[in-house]
Amino acid sequence: MVEGNISLKSLNDHITCHICNGYLIDATTITECLHTFCKTCIIMWLKEHQVCPMCKDQFLQTRSLLNIRSDPTLQDIVYKIVPGLFTENFSLFQMK
């Protein structure tokens, strides 16, 4: 069995939002292509577009918000990999 450390940089492509380029916050996945974004980012995107921002797959339904689902497992992984991110987001949420 090979053991070793995995750098955060090598995981960034999997745990960042490709709309805002930040770490995923309230990870939300498009059900048709399985690309994941921050919930706020993808909702704002889908108000203007009917395609995935990464692969440009078009949605079959006109109500594109029906094509997204929360991804709590991925969000938990992001919070475990990026120390302090949960606390920072929780503090910002409480300030609103």
PDB file of N, CA and C in Angstrom:
ATOM      1  N   MET A   1       0.841  -1.173   0.000  1.00  0.00           N
ATOM      2  CA  MET A   1       0.000   0.000   0.000  1.00  0.00           C
ATOM      3  C   MET A   1       0.889   1.241   0.000  1.00  0.00           C
ATOM      4  N   VAL A   2       0.599   2.171  -0.879  1.00  0.00           N
ATOM      5  CA  VAL A   2       1.375   3.396  -0.990  1.00  0.00           C
ATOM      6  C   VAL A   2       0.711   4.479  -0.152  1.00  0.00           C
ATOM      7  N   GLU A   3       1.499   5.083   0.716  1.00  0.00           N
ATOM      8  CA  GLU A   3       0.980   6.174   1.531  1.00  0.00           C
ATOM      9  C   GLU A   3       1.685   7.452   1.139  1.00  0.00           C
ATOM     10  N   GLY A   4       0.999   8.558   1.305  1.00  0.00           N
ATOM     11  CA  GLY A   4       1.607   9.837   1.007  1.00  0.00           C
ATOM     12  C   GLY A   4       0.615  10.949   1.222  1.00  0.00           C
ATOM     13  N   ASN A   5       1.139  12.125   1.206  1.00  0.00           N
ATOM     14  CA  ASN A   5       0.283  13.293   1.375  1.00  0.00           C
ATOM     15  C   ASN A   5      -0.194  13.784   0.024  1.00  0.00           C
ATOM     16  N   ILE A   6      -1.441  14.171  -0.020  1.00  0.00           N
ATOM     17  CA  ILE A   6      -2.004  14.769  -1.228  1.00  0.00           C
ATOM     18  C   ILE A   6      -2.080  16.264  -0.975  1.00  0.00           C
ATOM     19  N   SER A   7      -1.573  17.045  -1.899  1.00  0.00           N
ATOM     20  CA  SER A   7      -1.578  18.490  -1.694  1.00  0.00           C
ATOM     21  C   SER A   7      -2.952  19.072  -2.002  1.00  0.00           C
ATOM     22  N   LEU A   8      -3.277  20.153  -1.313  1.00  0.00           N
ATOM     23  CA  LEU A   8      -4.538  20.852  -1.542  1.00  0.00           C
ATOM     24  C   LEU A   8      -4.616  21.328  -2.984  1.00  0.00           C
ATOM     25  N   LYS A   9      -3.487  21.743  -3.527  1.00  0.00           N
ATOM     26  CA  LYS A   9      -3.456  22.229  -4.909  1.00  0.00           C
ATOM     27  C   LYS A   9      -3.915  21.156  -5.896  1.00  0.00           C
ATOM     28  N   SER A  10      -3.551  19.906  -5.643  1.00  0.00           N
ATOM     29  CA  SER A  10      -3.941  18.831  -6.561  1.00  0.00           C
ATOM     30  C   SER A  10      -5.438  18.534  -6.494  1.00  0.00           C
ATOM     31  N   LEU A  11      -6.096  18.942  -5.418  1.00  0.00           N
ATOM     32  CA  LEU A  11      -7.532  18.710  -5.258  1.00  0.00           C
ATOM     33  C   LEU A  11      -8.381  19.912  -5.665  1.00  0.00           C
ATOM     34  N   ASN A  12      -7.752  21.057  -5.826  1.00  0.00           N
ATOM     35  CA  ASN A  12      -8.496  22.298  -6.067  1.00  0.00           C
ATOM     36  C   ASN A  12      -9.492  22.208  -7.212  1.00  0.00           C
ATOM     37  N   ASP A  13      -9.145  21.537  -8.282  1.00  0.00           N
ATOM     38  CA  ASP A  13     -10.049  21.455  -9.428  1.00  0.00           C
ATOM     39  C   ASP A  13     -11.354  20.749  -9.069  1.00  0.00           C
ATOM     40  N   HIS A  14     -11.311  19.899  -8.053  1.00  0.00           N
ATOM     41  CA  HIS A  14     -12.486  19.115  -7.657  1.00  0.00           C
ATOM     42  C   HIS A  14     -13.309  19.771  -6.557  1.00  0.00           C
ATOM     43  N   ILE A  15     -12.728  20.760  -5.871  1.00  0.00           N
ATOM     44  CA  ILE A  15     -13.426  21.363  -4.734  1.00  0.00           C
ATOM     45  C   ILE A  15     -13.640  22.865  -4.895  1.00  0.00           C
ATOM     46  N   THR A  16     -13.414  23.369  -6.104  1.00  0.00           N
ATOM     47  CA  THR A  16     -13.665  24.787  -6.358  1.00  0.00           C
ATOM     48  C   THR A  16     -14.795  24.958  -7.358  1.00  0.00           C
ATOM     49  N   CYS A  17     -15.452  26.084  -7.237  1.00  0.00           N
ATOM     50  CA  CYS A  17     -16.543  26.455  -8.141  1.00  0.00           C
ATOM     51  C   CYS A  17     -15.924  27.078  -9.388  1.00  0.00           C
ATOM     52  N   HIS A  18     -16.320  26.615 -10.541  1.00  0.00           N
ATOM     53  CA  HIS A  18     -15.754  27.137 -11.782  1.00  0.00           C
ATOM     54  C   HIS A  18     -16.487  28.379 -12.276  1.00  0.00           C
ATOM     55  N   ILE A  19     -17.368  28.911 -11.451  1.00  0.00           N
ATOM     56  CA  ILE A  19     -18.003  30.196 -11.763  1.00  0.00           C
ATOM     57  C   ILE A  19     -17.285  31.303 -10.996  1.00  0.00           C
ATOM     58  N   CYS A  20     -17.142  31.127  -9.669  1.00  0.00           N
ATOM     59  CA  CYS A  20     -16.507  32.172  -8.843  1.00  0.00           C
ATOM     60  C   CYS A  20     -15.036  31.885  -8.549  1.00  0.00           C
ATOM     61  N   ASN A  21     -14.579  30.662  -8.836  1.00  0.00           N
ATOM     62  CA  ASN A  21     -13.203  30.217  -8.582  1.00  0.00           C
ATOM     63  C   ASN A  21     -12.842  30.137  -7.101  1.00  0.00           C
ATOM     64  N   GLY A  22     -13.847  30.134  -6.225  1.00  0.00           N
ATOM     65  CA  GLY A  22     -13.617  29.944  -4.798  1.00  0.00           C
ATOM     66  C   GLY A  22     -13.938  28.511  -4.414  1.00  0.00           C
ATOM     67  N   TYR A  23     -13.638  28.162  -3.165  1.00  0.00           N
ATOM     68  CA  TYR A  23     -14.011  26.833  -2.686  1.00  0.00           C
ATOM     69  C   TYR A  23     -15.527  26.714  -2.664  1.00  0.00           C
ATOM     70  N   LEU A  24     -16.022  25.509  -2.904  1.00  0.00           N
ATOM     71  CA  LEU A  24     -17.466  25.280  -2.958  1.00  0.00           C
ATOM     72  C   LEU A  24     -18.133  25.654  -1.642  1.00  0.00           C
ATOM     73  N   ILE A  25     -19.175  26.453  -1.750  1.00  0.00           N
ATOM     74  CA  ILE A  25     -20.000  26.833  -0.612  1.00  0.00           C
ATOM     75  C   ILE A  25     -21.418  26.388  -0.930  1.00  0.00           C
ATOM     76  N   ASP A  26     -21.981  25.544  -0.094  1.00  0.00           N
ATOM     77  CA  ASP A  26     -23.302  24.947  -0.329  1.00  0.00           C
ATOM     78  C   ASP A  26     -23.283  24.234  -1.687  1.00  0.00           C
ATOM     79  N   ALA A  27     -22.371  23.290  -1.818  1.00  0.00           N
ATOM     80  CA  ALA A  27     -22.142  22.564  -3.078  1.00  0.00           C
ATOM     81  C   ALA A  27     -23.451  22.075  -3.684  1.00  0.00           C
ATOM     82  N   THR A  28     -23.643  22.399  -4.965  1.00  0.00           N
ATOM     83  CA  THR A  28     -24.870  22.056  -5.682  1.00  0.00           C
ATOM     84  C   THR A  28     -24.491  21.497  -7.045  1.00  0.00           C
ATOM     85  N   THR A  29     -25.041  20.333  -7.373  1.00  0.00           N
ATOM     86  CA  THR A  29     -24.665  19.606  -8.581  1.00  0.00           C
ATOM     87  C   THR A  29     -25.777  19.632  -9.614  1.00  0.00           C
ATOM     88  N   ILE A  30     -25.392  19.825 -10.876  1.00  0.00           N
ATOM     89  CA  ILE A  30     -26.336  19.725 -11.988  1.00  0.00           C
ATOM     90  C   ILE A  30     -26.557  18.235 -12.230  1.00  0.00           C
ATOM     91  N   THR A  31     -27.798  17.801 -12.174  1.00  0.00           N
ATOM     92  CA  THR A  31     -28.087  16.364 -12.239  1.00  0.00           C
ATOM     93  C   THR A  31     -27.810  15.750 -13.602  1.00  0.00           C
ATOM     94  N   GLU A  32     -27.838  16.531 -14.654  1.00  0.00           N
ATOM     95  CA  GLU A  32     -27.665  15.968 -15.996  1.00  0.00           C
ATOM     96  C   GLU A  32     -26.209  15.701 -16.355  1.00  0.00           C
ATOM     97  N   CYS A  33     -25.285  16.540 -15.881  1.00  0.00           N
ATOM     98  CA  CYS A  33     -23.873  16.351 -16.244  1.00  0.00           C
ATOM     99  C   CYS A  33     -22.971  16.115 -15.030  1.00  0.00           C
ATOM    100  N   LEU A  34     -23.517  16.303 -13.827  1.00  0.00           N
ATOM    101  CA  LEU A  34     -22.825  16.079 -12.558  1.00  0.00           C
ATOM    102  C   LEU A  34     -21.702  17.070 -12.265  1.00  0.00           C
ATOM    103  N   HIS A  35     -21.723  18.245 -12.861  1.00  0.00           N
ATOM    104  CA  HIS A  35     -20.776  19.291 -12.488  1.00  0.00           C
ATOM    105  C   HIS A  35     -21.334  20.032 -11.276  1.00  0.00           C
ATOM    106  N   THR A  36     -20.432  20.437 -10.379  1.00  0.00           N
ATOM    107  CA  THR A  36     -20.834  21.023  -9.102  1.00  0.00           C
ATOM    108  C   THR A  36     -20.303  22.441  -8.966  1.00  0.00           C
ATOM    109  N   PHE A  37     -21.132  23.298  -8.360  1.00  0.00           N
ATOM    110  CA  PHE A  37     -20.827  24.719  -8.184  1.00  0.00           C
ATOM    111  C   PHE A  37     -21.352  25.172  -6.828  1.00  0.00           C
ATOM    112  N   CYS A  38     -21.002  26.384  -6.419  1.00  0.00           N
ATOM    113  CA  CYS A  38     -21.637  26.985  -5.250  1.00  0.00           C
ATOM    114  C   CYS A  38     -23.116  27.168  -5.580  1.00  0.00           C
ATOM    115  N   LYS A  39     -23.969  26.981  -4.609  1.00  0.00           N
ATOM    116  CA  LYS A  39     -25.411  27.107  -4.851  1.00  0.00           C
ATOM    117  C   LYS A  39     -25.767  28.492  -5.390  1.00  0.00           C
ATOM    118  N   THR A  40     -25.267  29.532  -4.741  1.00  0.00           N
ATOM    119  CA  THR A  40     -25.573  30.894  -5.182  1.00  0.00           C
ATOM    120  C   THR A  40     -25.082  31.129  -6.600  1.00  0.00           C
ATOM    121  N   CYS A  41     -23.884  30.664  -6.912  1.00  0.00           N
ATOM    122  CA  CYS A  41     -23.312  30.872  -8.251  1.00  0.00           C
ATOM    123  C   CYS A  41     -24.151  30.198  -9.332  1.00  0.00           C
ATOM    124  N   ILE A  42     -24.528  28.932  -9.114  1.00  0.00           N
ATOM    125  CA  ILE A  42     -25.246  28.216 -10.171  1.00  0.00           C
ATOM    126  C   ILE A  42     -26.665  28.749 -10.327  1.00  0.00           C
ATOM    127  N   ILE A  43     -27.295  29.172  -9.244  1.00  0.00           N
ATOM    128  CA  ILE A  43     -28.637  29.755  -9.366  1.00  0.00           C
ATOM    129  C   ILE A  43     -28.579  31.047 -10.167  1.00  0.00           C
ATOM    130  N   MET A  44     -27.601  31.895  -9.876  1.00  0.00           N
ATOM    131  CA  MET A  44     -27.453  33.151 -10.637  1.00  0.00           C
ATOM    132  C   MET A  44     -27.160  32.849 -12.108  1.00  0.00           C
ATOM    133  N   TRP A  45     -26.303  31.873 -12.368  1.00  0.00           N
ATOM    134  CA  TRP A  45     -25.953  31.490 -13.738  1.00  0.00           C
ATOM    135  C   TRP A  45     -27.190  31.021 -14.500  1.00  0.00           C
ATOM    136  N   LEU A  46     -27.983  30.160 -13.854  1.00  0.00           N
ATOM    137  CA  LEU A  46     -29.139  29.568 -14.525  1.00  0.00           C
ATOM    138  C   LEU A  46     -30.267  30.566 -14.766  1.00  0.00           C
ATOM    139  N   LYS A  47     -30.234  31.688 -14.092  1.00  0.00           N
ATOM    140  CA  LYS A  47     -31.222  32.740 -14.373  1.00  0.00           C
ATOM    141  C   LYS A  47     -30.986  33.347 -15.751  1.00  0.00           C
ATOM    142  N   GLU A  48     -29.750  33.268 -16.227  1.00  0.00           N
ATOM    143  CA  GLU A  48     -29.380  33.869 -17.513  1.00  0.00           C
ATOM    144  C   GLU A  48     -29.110  32.848 -18.615  1.00  0.00           C
ATOM    145  N   HIS A  49     -28.770  31.627 -18.242  1.00  0.00           N
ATOM    146  CA  HIS A  49     -28.351  30.615 -19.216  1.00  0.00           C
ATOM    147  C   HIS A  49     -29.109  29.315 -18.992  1.00  0.00           C
ATOM    148  N   GLN A  50     -29.231  28.514 -20.015  1.00  0.00           N
ATOM    149  CA  GLN A  50     -29.861  27.187 -19.906  1.00  0.00           C
ATOM    150  C   GLN A  50     -28.840  26.087 -20.194  1.00  0.00           C
ATOM    151  N   VAL A  51     -27.568  26.361 -19.888  1.00  0.00           N
ATOM    152  CA  VAL A  51     -26.493  25.397 -20.134  1.00  0.00           C
ATOM    153  C   VAL A  51     -25.576  25.314 -18.920  1.00  0.00           C
ATOM    154  N   CYS A  52     -24.877  24.200 -18.806  1.00  0.00           N
ATOM    155  CA  CYS A  52     -23.862  24.049 -17.766  1.00  0.00           C
ATOM    156  C   CYS A  52     -22.694  24.982 -18.085  1.00  0.00           C
ATOM    157  N   PRO A  53     -22.192  25.724 -17.097  1.00  0.00           N
ATOM    158  CA  PRO A  53     -21.065  26.627 -17.356  1.00  0.00           C
ATOM    159  C   PRO A  53     -19.766  25.911 -17.717  1.00  0.00           C
ATOM    160  N   MET A  54     -19.650  24.626 -17.402  1.00  0.00           N
ATOM    161  CA  MET A  54     -18.417  23.898 -17.705  1.00  0.00           C
ATOM    162  C   MET A  54     -18.478  23.172 -19.035  1.00  0.00           C
ATOM    163  N   CYS A  55     -19.494  22.344 -19.228  1.00  0.00           N
ATOM    164  CA  CYS A  55     -19.525  21.501 -20.427  1.00  0.00           C
ATOM    165  C   CYS A  55     -20.492  22.011 -21.493  1.00  0.00           C
ATOM    166  N   LYS A  56     -21.255  23.024 -21.144  1.00  0.00           N
ATOM    167  CA  LYS A  56     -22.217  23.660 -22.064  1.00  0.00           C
ATOM    168  C   LYS A  56     -23.365  22.735 -22.464  1.00  0.00           C
ATOM    169  N   ASP A  57     -23.573  21.637 -21.713  1.00  0.00           N
ATOM    170  CA  ASP A  57     -24.746  20.790 -21.969  1.00  0.00           C
ATOM    171  C   ASP A  57     -26.007  21.606 -21.740  1.00  0.00           C
ATOM    172  N   GLN A  58     -26.939  21.498 -22.655  1.00  0.00           N
ATOM    173  CA  GLN A  58     -28.205  22.219 -22.517  1.00  0.00           C
ATOM    174  C   GLN A  58     -29.173  21.394 -21.691  1.00  0.00           C
ATOM    175  N   PHE A  59     -30.036  22.087 -20.974  1.00  0.00           N
ATOM    176  CA  PHE A  59     -31.043  21.415 -20.177  1.00  0.00           C
ATOM    177  C   PHE A  59     -32.258  21.132 -21.019  1.00  0.00           C
ATOM    178  N   LEU A  60     -32.867  19.976 -20.777  1.00  0.00           N
ATOM    179  CA  LEU A  60     -34.054  19.585 -21.524  1.00  0.00           C
ATOM    180  C   LEU A  60     -35.286  20.330 -21.028  1.00  0.00           C
ATOM    181  N   GLN A  61     -35.306  20.652 -19.754  1.00  0.00           N
ATOM    182  CA  GLN A  61     -36.454  21.341 -19.184  1.00  0.00           C
ATOM    183  C   GLN A  61     -36.235  22.844 -19.216  1.00  0.00           C
ATOM    184  N   THR A  62     -37.319  23.579 -19.357  1.00  0.00           N
ATOM    185  CA  THR A  62     -37.201  25.033 -19.353  1.00  0.00           C
ATOM    186  C   THR A  62     -36.993  25.568 -17.941  1.00  0.00           C
ATOM    187  N   ARG A  63     -37.401  24.829 -16.946  1.00  0.00           N
ATOM    188  CA  ARG A  63     -37.184  25.248 -15.555  1.00  0.00           C
ATOM    189  C   ARG A  63     -35.889  24.614 -15.059  1.00  0.00           C
ATOM    190  N   SER A  64     -34.778  25.273 -15.342  1.00  0.00           N
ATOM    191  CA  SER A  64     -33.457  24.698 -15.091  1.00  0.00           C
ATOM    192  C   SER A  64     -33.166  24.456 -13.615  1.00  0.00           C
ATOM    193  N   LEU A  65     -33.829  25.156 -12.705  1.00  0.00           N
ATOM    194  CA  LEU A  65     -33.570  24.933 -11.285  1.00  0.00           C
ATOM    195  C   LEU A  65     -34.033  23.553 -10.826  1.00  0.00           C
ATOM    196  N   LEU A  66     -34.840  22.888 -11.638  1.00  0.00           N
ATOM    197  CA  LEU A  66     -35.239  21.514 -11.323  1.00  0.00           C
ATOM    198  C   LEU A  66     -34.102  20.533 -11.603  1.00  0.00           C
ATOM    199  N   ASN A  67     -33.055  20.996 -12.283  1.00  0.00           N
ATOM    200  CA  ASN A  67     -31.926  20.146 -12.671  1.00  0.00           C
ATOM    201  C   ASN A  67     -30.746  20.224 -11.708  1.00  0.00           C
ATOM    202  N   ILE A  68     -30.932  20.814 -10.536  1.00  0.00           N
ATOM    203  CA  ILE A  68     -29.828  20.918  -9.580  1.00  0.00           C
ATOM    204  C   ILE A  68     -30.223  20.283  -8.252  1.00  0.00           C
ATOM    205  N   ARG A  69     -29.214  19.741  -7.568  1.00  0.00           N
ATOM    206  CA  ARG A  69     -29.427  19.100  -6.270  1.00  0.00           C
ATOM    207  C   ARG A  69     -28.270  19.461  -5.342  1.00  0.00           C
ATOM    208  N   SER A  70     -28.595  19.649  -4.088  1.00  0.00           N
ATOM    209  CA  SER A  70     -27.586  19.891  -3.068  1.00  0.00           C
ATOM    210  C   SER A  70     -26.671  18.667  -2.970  1.00  0.00           C
ATOM    211  N   ASP A  71     -25.394  18.899  -2.697  1.00  0.00           N
ATOM    212  CA  ASP A  71     -24.426  17.806  -2.564  1.00  0.00           C
ATOM    213  C   ASP A  71     -23.736  17.912  -1.196  1.00  0.00           C
ATOM    214  N   PRO A  72     -24.439  17.521  -0.127  1.00  0.00           N
ATOM    215  CA  PRO A  72     -23.872  17.675   1.217  1.00  0.00           C
ATOM    216  C   PRO A  72     -22.620  16.833   1.458  1.00  0.00           C
ATOM    217  N   THR A  73     -22.489  15.707   0.792  1.00  0.00           N
ATOM    218  CA  THR A  73     -21.299  14.874   0.977  1.00  0.00           C
ATOM    219  C   THR A  73     -20.061  15.590   0.457  1.00  0.00           C
ATOM    220  N   LEU A  74     -20.153  16.153  -0.745  1.00  0.00           N
ATOM    221  CA  LEU A  74     -19.016  16.901  -1.288  1.00  0.00           C
ATOM    222  C   LEU A  74     -18.728  18.122  -0.425  1.00  0.00           C
ATOM    223  N   GLN A  75     -19.767  18.793   0.062  1.00  0.00           N
ATOM    224  CA  GLN A  75     -19.543  19.961   0.911  1.00  0.00           C
ATOM    225  C   GLN A  75     -18.821  19.569   2.193  1.00  0.00           C
ATOM    226  N   ASP A  76     -19.197  18.443   2.785  1.00  0.00           N
ATOM    227  CA  ASP A  76     -18.497  17.956   3.981  1.00  0.00           C
ATOM    228  C   ASP A  76     -17.025  17.688   3.684  1.00  0.00           C
ATOM    229  N   ILE A  77     -16.738  17.123   2.518  1.00  0.00           N
ATOM    230  CA  ILE A  77     -15.351  16.860   2.119  1.00  0.00           C
ATOM    231  C   ILE A  77     -14.584  18.172   1.995  1.00  0.00           C
ATOM    232  N   VAL A  78     -15.188  19.169   1.364  1.00  0.00           N
ATOM    233  CA  VAL A  78     -14.530  20.478   1.213  1.00  0.00           C
ATOM    234  C   VAL A  78     -14.213  21.056   2.588  1.00  0.00           C
ATOM    235  N   TYR A  79     -15.175  21.012   3.500  1.00  0.00           N
ATOM    236  CA  TYR A  79     -14.946  21.550   4.844  1.00  0.00           C
ATOM    237  C   TYR A  79     -13.843  20.797   5.581  1.00  0.00           C
ATOM    238  N   LYS A  80     -13.702  19.496   5.345  1.00  0.00           N
ATOM    239  CA  LYS A  80     -12.643  18.721   5.994  1.00  0.00           C
ATOM    240  C   LYS A  80     -11.269  19.022   5.384  1.00  0.00           C
ATOM    241  N   ILE A  81     -11.228  19.263   4.082  1.00  0.00           N
ATOM    242  CA  ILE A  81      -9.964  19.504   3.387  1.00  0.00           C
ATOM    243  C   ILE A  81      -9.448  20.920   3.613  1.00  0.00           C
ATOM    244  N   VAL A  82     -10.360  21.887   3.701  1.00  0.00           N
ATOM    245  CA  VAL A  82      -9.968  23.296   3.824  1.00  0.00           C
ATOM    246  C   VAL A  82     -10.259  23.761   5.251  1.00  0.00           C
ATOM    247  N   PRO A  83      -9.259  23.731   6.114  1.00  0.00           N
ATOM    248  CA  PRO A  83      -9.465  24.114   7.511  1.00  0.00           C
ATOM    249  C   PRO A  83      -9.960  25.559   7.634  1.00  0.00           C
ATOM    250  N   GLY A  84     -10.928  25.757   8.496  1.00  0.00           N
ATOM    251  CA  GLY A  84     -11.422  27.105   8.757  1.00  0.00           C
ATOM    252  C   GLY A  84     -12.509  27.582   7.817  1.00  0.00           C
ATOM    253  N   LEU A  85     -12.737  26.898   6.708  1.00  0.00           N
ATOM    254  CA  LEU A  85     -13.740  27.356   5.737  1.00  0.00           C
ATOM    255  C   LEU A  85     -15.145  27.298   6.329  1.00  0.00           C
ATOM    256  N   PHE A  86     -15.471  26.225   7.037  1.00  0.00           N
ATOM    257  CA  PHE A  86     -16.800  26.105   7.641  1.00  0.00           C
ATOM    258  C   PHE A  86     -17.025  27.219   8.655  1.00  0.00           C
ATOM    259  N   THR A  87     -16.050  27.438   9.534  1.00  0.00           N
ATOM    260  CA  THR A  87     -16.171  28.472  10.561  1.00  0.00           C
ATOM    261  C   THR A  87     -16.336  29.844   9.932  1.00  0.00           C
ATOM    262  N   GLU A  88     -15.558  30.117   8.889  1.00  0.00           N
ATOM    263  CA  GLU A  88     -15.641  31.403   8.191  1.00  0.00           C
ATOM    264  C   GLU A  88     -17.024  31.596   7.576  1.00  0.00           C
ATOM    265  N   ASN A  89     -17.536  30.582   6.904  1.00  0.00           N
ATOM    266  CA  ASN A  89     -18.852  30.687   6.272  1.00  0.00           C
ATOM    267  C   ASN A  89     -19.965  30.766   7.300  1.00  0.00           C
ATOM    268  N   PHE A  90     -19.840  30.037   8.396  1.00  0.00           N
ATOM    269  CA  PHE A  90     -20.847  30.081   9.446  1.00  0.00           C
ATOM    270  C   PHE A  90     -20.895  31.475  10.061  1.00  0.00           C
ATOM    271  N   SER A  91     -19.734  32.080  10.274  1.00  0.00           N
ATOM    272  CA  SER A  91     -19.672  33.438  10.829  1.00  0.00           C
ATOM    273  C   SER A  91     -20.313  34.442   9.884  1.00  0.00           C
ATOM    274  N   LEU A  92     -20.029  34.324   8.586  1.00  0.00           N
ATOM    275  CA  LEU A  92     -20.625  35.232   7.603  1.00  0.00           C
ATOM    276  C   LEU A  92     -22.135  35.062   7.548  1.00  0.00           C
ATOM    277  N   PHE A  93     -22.607  33.821   7.645  1.00  0.00           N
ATOM    278  CA  PHE A  93     -24.040  33.539   7.614  1.00  0.00           C
ATOM    279  C   PHE A  93     -24.734  34.173   8.815  1.00  0.00           C
ATOM    280  N   GLN A  94     -24.113  34.097   9.988  1.00  0.00           N
ATOM    281  CA  GLN A  94     -24.709  34.663  11.193  1.00  0.00           C
ATOM    282  C   GLN A  94     -24.752  36.185  11.142  1.00  0.00           C
ATOM    283  N   MET A  95     -23.827  36.803  10.416  1.00  0.00           N
ATOM    284  CA  MET A  95     -23.787  38.262  10.313  1.00  0.00           C
ATOM    285  C   MET A  95     -24.907  38.802   9.436  1.00  0.00           C
ATOM    286  N   LYS A  96     -25.452  37.967   8.544  1.00  0.00           N
ATOM    287  CA  LYS A  96     -26.486  38.436   7.615  1.00  0.00           C
ATOM    288  C   LYS A  96     -27.805  38.602   8.293  1.00  0.00           C
TER     289      LYS A  96
END
